[in-house]
PDB file of all heavy atoms in Angstrom:
ATOM      1  N   VAL A   1     115.790 -10.261 113.796  1.00  0.00           N
ATOM      2  CA  VAL A   1     116.295 -10.911 112.581  1.00  0.00           C
ATOM      3  C   VAL A   1     116.066 -10.013 111.367  1.00  0.00           C
ATOM      4  O   VAL A   1     116.965  -9.819 110.528  1.00  0.00           O
ATOM      5  CB  VAL A   1     115.620 -12.286 112.382  1.00  0.00           C
ATOM      6  CG1 VAL A   1     115.865 -12.800 110.966  1.00  0.00           C
ATOM      7  CG2 VAL A   1     116.130 -13.280 113.415  1.00  0.00           C
ATOM      8  N   THR A   2     114.870  -9.455 111.266  1.00  0.00           N
ATOM      9  CA  THR A   2     114.557  -8.570 110.139  1.00  0.00           C
ATOM     10  C   THR A   2     115.523  -7.394 110.074  1.00  0.00           C
ATOM     11  O   THR A   2     116.017  -7.029 108.993  1.00  0.00           O
ATOM     12  CB  THR A   2     113.116  -8.050 110.257  1.00  0.00           C
ATOM     13  OG1 THR A   2     112.218  -9.160 110.292  1.00  0.00           O
ATOM     14  CG2 THR A   2     112.767  -7.139 109.096  1.00  0.00           C
ATOM     15  N   ALA A   3     115.799  -6.799 111.227  1.00  0.00           N
ATOM     16  CA  ALA A   3     116.691  -5.634 111.259  1.00  0.00           C
ATOM     17  C   ALA A   3     118.133  -6.032 110.953  1.00  0.00           C
ATOM     18  O   ALA A   3     118.837  -5.331 110.211  1.00  0.00           O
ATOM     19  CB  ALA A   3     116.604  -4.947 112.613  1.00  0.00           C
ATOM     20  N   TYR A   4     118.587  -7.154 111.510  1.00  0.00           N
ATOM     21  CA  TYR A   4     119.954  -7.617 111.206  1.00  0.00           C
ATOM     22  C   TYR A   4     120.103  -7.925 109.712  1.00  0.00           C
ATOM     23  O   TYR A   4     121.144  -7.649 109.104  1.00  0.00           O
ATOM     24  CB  TYR A   4     120.300  -8.854 112.029  1.00  0.00           C
ATOM     25  CG  TYR A   4     120.724  -8.564 113.442  1.00  0.00           C
ATOM     26  CD1 TYR A   4     120.116  -9.220 114.528  1.00  0.00           C
ATOM     27  CD2 TYR A   4     121.756  -7.674 113.714  1.00  0.00           C
ATOM     28  CE1 TYR A   4     120.511  -8.971 115.833  1.00  0.00           C
ATOM     29  CE2 TYR A   4     122.156  -7.417 115.028  1.00  0.00           C
ATOM     30  CZ  TYR A   4     121.533  -8.066 116.081  1.00  0.00           C
ATOM     31  OH  TYR A   4     121.935  -7.822 117.378  1.00  0.00           O
ATOM     32  N   GLU A   5     119.069  -8.512 109.140  1.00  0.00           N
ATOM     33  CA  GLU A   5     119.120  -8.801 107.696  1.00  0.00           C
ATOM     34  C   GLU A   5     119.227  -7.516 106.881  1.00  0.00           C
ATOM     35  O   GLU A   5     119.914  -7.480 105.845  1.00  0.00           O
ATOM     36  CB  GLU A   5     117.882  -9.606 107.289  1.00  0.00           C
ATOM     37  CG  GLU A   5     117.909 -11.050 107.771  1.00  0.00           C
ATOM     38  CD  GLU A   5     116.635 -11.811 107.454  1.00  0.00           C
ATOM     39  OE1 GLU A   5     115.594 -11.153 107.188  1.00  0.00           O
ATOM     40  OE2 GLU A   5     116.661 -13.061 107.477  1.00  0.00           O
ATOM     41  N   GLU A   6     118.576  -6.484 107.350  1.00  0.00           N
ATOM     42  CA  GLU A   6     118.652  -5.206 106.634  1.00  0.00           C
ATOM     43  C   GLU A   6     120.061  -4.612 106.740  1.00  0.00           C
ATOM     44  O   GLU A   6     120.563  -4.027 105.778  1.00  0.00           O
ATOM     45  CB  GLU A   6     117.615  -4.233 107.196  1.00  0.00           C
ATOM     46  CG  GLU A   6     117.437  -2.965 106.388  1.00  0.00           C
ATOM     47  CD  GLU A   6     116.940  -3.210 104.975  1.00  0.00           C
ATOM     48  OE1 GLU A   6     116.255  -4.231 104.764  1.00  0.00           O
ATOM     49  OE2 GLU A   6     117.228  -2.377 104.094  1.00  0.00           O
ATOM     50  N   VAL A   7     120.679  -4.752 107.912  1.00  0.00           N
ATOM     51  CA  VAL A   7     122.075  -4.301 108.062  1.00  0.00           C
ATOM     52  C   VAL A   7     122.951  -4.984 107.025  1.00  0.00           C
ATOM     53  O   VAL A   7     123.747  -4.334 106.325  1.00  0.00           O
ATOM     54  CB  VAL A   7     122.614  -4.604 109.473  1.00  0.00           C
ATOM     55  CG1 VAL A   7     124.082  -4.176 109.570  1.00  0.00           C
ATOM     56  CG2 VAL A   7     121.794  -3.908 110.543  1.00  0.00           C
ATOM     57  N   LEU A   8     122.808  -6.301 106.914  1.00  0.00           N
ATOM     58  CA  LEU A   8     123.657  -7.076 106.010  1.00  0.00           C
ATOM     59  C   LEU A   8     123.319  -6.823 104.544  1.00  0.00           C
ATOM     60  O   LEU A   8     124.185  -6.978 103.674  1.00  0.00           O
ATOM     61  CB  LEU A   8     123.535  -8.563 106.336  1.00  0.00           C
ATOM     62  CG  LEU A   8     124.125  -8.941 107.710  1.00  0.00           C
ATOM     63  CD1 LEU A   8     123.726 -10.359 108.096  1.00  0.00           C
ATOM     64  CD2 LEU A   8     125.642  -8.800 107.693  1.00  0.00           C
ATOM     65  N   ARG A   9     122.088  -6.420 104.273  1.00  0.00           N
ATOM     66  CA  ARG A   9     121.760  -6.048 102.902  1.00  0.00           C
ATOM     67  C   ARG A   9     122.529  -4.781 102.509  1.00  0.00           C
ATOM     68  O   ARG A   9     123.037  -4.664 101.386  1.00  0.00           O
ATOM     69  CB  ARG A   9     120.258  -5.809 102.762  1.00  0.00           C
ATOM     70  CG  ARG A   9     119.804  -5.568 101.325  1.00  0.00           C
ATOM     71  CD  ARG A   9     118.360  -5.119 101.252  1.00  0.00           C
ATOM     72  NE  ARG A   9     118.170  -3.802 101.854  1.00  0.00           N
ATOM     73  CZ  ARG A   9     118.469  -2.649 101.231  1.00  0.00           C
ATOM     74  NH1 ARG A   9     118.995  -2.665 100.011  1.00  0.00           N
ATOM     75  NH2 ARG A   9     118.256  -1.499 101.829  1.00  0.00           N
ATOM     76  N   ILE A  10     122.612  -3.837 103.464  1.00  0.00           N
ATOM     77  CA  ILE A  10     123.317  -2.583 103.198  1.00  0.00           C
ATOM     78  C   ILE A  10     124.830  -2.788 103.239  1.00  0.00           C
ATOM     79  O   ILE A  10     125.566  -2.264 102.402  1.00  0.00           O
ATOM     80  CB  ILE A  10     122.890  -1.508 104.230  1.00  0.00           C
ATOM     81  CG1 ILE A  10     121.382  -1.228 104.107  1.00  0.00           C
ATOM     82  CG2 ILE A  10     123.691  -0.221 104.042  1.00  0.00           C
ATOM     83  CD1 ILE A  10     120.831  -0.399 105.247  1.00  0.00           C
ATOM     84  N   ASN A  11     125.277  -3.574 104.226  1.00  0.00           N
ATOM     85  CA  ASN A  11     126.718  -3.821 104.393  1.00  0.00           C
ATOM     86  C   ASN A  11     126.941  -5.304 104.638  1.00  0.00           C
ATOM     87  O   ASN A  11     126.929  -5.758 105.784  1.00  0.00           O
ATOM     88  CB  ASN A  11     127.270  -2.996 105.558  1.00  0.00           C
ATOM     89  CG  ASN A  11     128.750  -3.239 105.795  1.00  0.00           C
ATOM     90  OD1 ASN A  11     129.424  -3.908 105.002  1.00  0.00           O
ATOM     91  ND2 ASN A  11     129.279  -2.702 106.896  1.00  0.00           N
ATOM     92  N   PRO A  12     127.171  -6.079 103.594  1.00  0.00           N
ATOM     93  CA  PRO A  12     127.331  -7.535 103.731  1.00  0.00           C
ATOM     94  C   PRO A  12     128.531  -7.944 104.588  1.00  0.00           C
ATOM     95  O   PRO A  12     128.586  -9.088 105.039  1.00  0.00           O
ATOM     96  CB  PRO A  12     127.525  -8.006 102.283  1.00  0.00           C
ATOM     97  CG  PRO A  12     126.940  -6.928 101.439  1.00  0.00           C
ATOM     98  CD  PRO A  12     127.203  -5.657 102.177  1.00  0.00           C
ATOM     99  N   ASN A  13     129.452  -7.037 104.833  1.00  0.00           N
ATOM    100  CA  ASN A  13     130.650  -7.360 105.618  1.00  0.00           C
ATOM    101  C   ASN A  13     130.528  -6.980 107.088  1.00  0.00           C
ATOM    102  O   ASN A  13     131.534  -6.966 107.806  1.00  0.00           O
ATOM    103  CB  ASN A  13     131.864  -6.649 105.006  1.00  0.00           C
ATOM    104  CG  ASN A  13     132.137  -7.104 103.583  1.00  0.00           C
ATOM    105  OD1 ASN A  13     132.066  -8.290 103.279  1.00  0.00           O
ATOM    106  ND2 ASN A  13     132.430  -6.151 102.704  1.00  0.00           N
ATOM    107  N   HIS A  14     129.337  -6.672 107.538  1.00  0.00           N
ATOM    108  CA  HIS A  14     129.125  -6.250 108.928  1.00  0.00           C
ATOM    109  C   HIS A  14     129.152  -7.488 109.837  1.00  0.00           C
ATOM    110  O   HIS A  14     128.148  -8.181 109.999  1.00  0.00           O
ATOM    111  CB  HIS A  14     127.796  -5.517 109.053  1.00  0.00           C
ATOM    112  CG  HIS A  14     127.681  -4.644 110.263  1.00  0.00           C
ATOM    113  ND1 HIS A  14     127.762  -5.137 111.544  1.00  0.00           N
ATOM    114  CD2 HIS A  14     127.499  -3.294 110.379  1.00  0.00           C
ATOM    115  CE1 HIS A  14     127.604  -4.145 112.409  1.00  0.00           C
ATOM    116  NE2 HIS A  14     127.448  -3.018 111.727  1.00  0.00           N
ATOM    117  N   GLY A  15     130.306  -7.748 110.438  1.00  0.00           N
ATOM    118  CA  GLY A  15     130.474  -8.962 111.231  1.00  0.00           C
ATOM    119  C   GLY A  15     129.583  -9.025 112.453  1.00  0.00           C
ATOM    120  O   GLY A  15     129.037 -10.092 112.780  1.00  0.00           O
ATOM    121  N   GLU A  16     129.423  -7.918 113.160  1.00  0.00           N
ATOM    122  CA  GLU A  16     128.582  -7.915 114.366  1.00  0.00           C
ATOM    123  C   GLU A  16     127.130  -8.212 114.018  1.00  0.00           C
ATOM    124  O   GLU A  16     126.435  -8.912 114.782  1.00  0.00           O
ATOM    125  CB  GLU A  16     128.695  -6.569 115.078  1.00  0.00           C
ATOM    126  CG  GLU A  16     130.041  -6.312 115.727  1.00  0.00           C
ATOM    127  CD  GLU A  16     130.066  -4.973 116.438  1.00  0.00           C
ATOM    128  OE1 GLU A  16     130.304  -3.955 115.764  1.00  0.00           O
ATOM    129  OE2 GLU A  16     129.829  -4.955 117.657  1.00  0.00           O
ATOM    130  N   ALA A  17     126.676  -7.696 112.892  1.00  0.00           N
ATOM    131  CA  ALA A  17     125.298  -7.982 112.471  1.00  0.00           C
ATOM    132  C   ALA A  17     125.150  -9.450 112.112  1.00  0.00           C
ATOM    133  O   ALA A  17     124.122 -10.079 112.417  1.00  0.00           O
ATOM    134  CB  ALA A  17     124.926  -7.105 111.286  1.00  0.00           C
ATOM    135  N   ARG A  18     126.153 -10.019 111.496  1.00  0.00           N
ATOM    136  CA  ARG A  18     126.112 -11.450 111.147  1.00  0.00           C
ATOM    137  C   ARG A  18     126.029 -12.302 112.417  1.00  0.00           C
ATOM    138  O   ARG A  18     125.260 -13.263 112.488  1.00  0.00           O
ATOM    139  CB  ARG A  18     127.334 -11.841 110.313  1.00  0.00           C
ATOM    140  CG  ARG A  18     127.203 -13.191 109.627  1.00  0.00           C
ATOM    141  CD  ARG A  18     128.297 -13.365 108.587  1.00  0.00           C
ATOM    142  NE  ARG A  18     128.199 -12.361 107.529  1.00  0.00           N
ATOM    143  CZ  ARG A  18     127.318 -12.404 106.551  1.00  0.00           C
ATOM    144  NH1 ARG A  18     126.443 -13.403 106.474  1.00  0.00           N
ATOM    145  NH2 ARG A  18     127.300 -11.451 105.620  1.00  0.00           N
ATOM    146  N   ASN A  19     126.817 -11.925 113.437  1.00  0.00           N
ATOM    147  CA  ASN A  19     126.760 -12.657 114.713  1.00  0.00           C
ATOM    148  C   ASN A  19     125.406 -12.482 115.385  1.00  0.00           C
ATOM    149  O   ASN A  19     124.859 -13.446 115.952  1.00  0.00           O
ATOM    150  CB  ASN A  19     127.875 -12.171 115.628  1.00  0.00           C
ATOM    151  CG  ASN A  19     129.259 -12.522 115.126  1.00  0.00           C
ATOM    152  OD1 ASN A  19     129.424 -13.471 114.358  1.00  0.00           O
ATOM    153  ND2 ASN A  19     130.260 -11.765 115.549  1.00  0.00           N
ATOM    154  N   GLY A  20     124.885 -11.258 115.336  1.00  0.00           N
ATOM    155  CA  GLY A  20     123.579 -10.999 115.932  1.00  0.00           C
ATOM    156  C   GLY A  20     122.476 -11.776 115.247  1.00  0.00           C
ATOM    157  O   GLY A  20     121.561 -12.290 115.890  1.00  0.00           O
ATOM    158  N   LEU A  21     122.579 -11.885 113.933  1.00  0.00           N
ATOM    159  CA  LEU A  21     121.584 -12.651 113.178  1.00  0.00           C
ATOM    160  C   LEU A  21     121.630 -14.121 113.572  1.00  0.00           C
ATOM    161  O   LEU A  21     120.577 -14.756 113.755  1.00  0.00           O
ATOM    162  CB  LEU A  21     121.859 -12.494 111.683  1.00  0.00           C
ATOM    163  CG  LEU A  21     120.934 -13.259 110.743  1.00  0.00           C
ATOM    164  CD1 LEU A  21     119.482 -12.824 110.923  1.00  0.00           C
ATOM    165  CD2 LEU A  21     121.374 -13.059 109.283  1.00  0.00           C
ATOM    166  N   ALA A  22     122.824 -14.640 113.756  1.00  0.00           N
ATOM    167  CA  ALA A  22     122.963 -16.033 114.162  1.00  0.00           C
ATOM    168  C   ALA A  22     122.354 -16.264 115.534  1.00  0.00           C
ATOM    169  O   ALA A  22     121.651 -17.265 115.764  1.00  0.00           O
ATOM    170  CB  ALA A  22     124.434 -16.442 114.148  1.00  0.00           C
ATOM    171  N   ARG A  23     122.591 -15.364 116.471  1.00  0.00           N
ATOM    172  CA  ARG A  23     122.025 -15.504 117.819  1.00  0.00           C
ATOM    173  C   ARG A  23     120.518 -15.435 117.784  1.00  0.00           C
ATOM    174  O   ARG A  23     119.815 -16.227 118.440  1.00  0.00           O
ATOM    175  CB  ARG A  23     122.558 -14.397 118.734  1.00  0.00           C
ATOM    176  CG  ARG A  23     124.012 -14.500 119.124  1.00  0.00           C
ATOM    177  CD  ARG A  23     124.329 -13.520 120.257  1.00  0.00           C
ATOM    178  NE  ARG A  23     123.946 -12.136 119.926  1.00  0.00           N
ATOM    179  CZ  ARG A  23     124.749 -11.263 119.332  1.00  0.00           C
ATOM    180  NH1 ARG A  23     125.989 -11.638 118.997  1.00  0.00           N
ATOM    181  NH2 ARG A  23     124.347 -10.037 119.073  1.00  0.00           N
ATOM    182  N   SER A  24     119.984 -14.474 117.046  1.00  0.00           N
ATOM    183  CA  SER A  24     118.537 -14.231 117.043  1.00  0.00           C
ATOM    184  C   SER A  24     117.763 -15.266 116.251  1.00  0.00           C
ATOM    185  O   SER A  24     116.536 -15.384 116.408  1.00  0.00           O
ATOM    186  CB  SER A  24     118.247 -12.824 116.477  1.00  0.00           C
ATOM    187  OG  SER A  24     118.872 -11.831 117.264  1.00  0.00           O
TER     188      SER A  24
END
């Protein structure tokens, strides 16, 4: 979750990271 949140902080439009965050 921490890492996915960092992805989205850098790129808020990263769809795969958003899905990964939801799963995790």
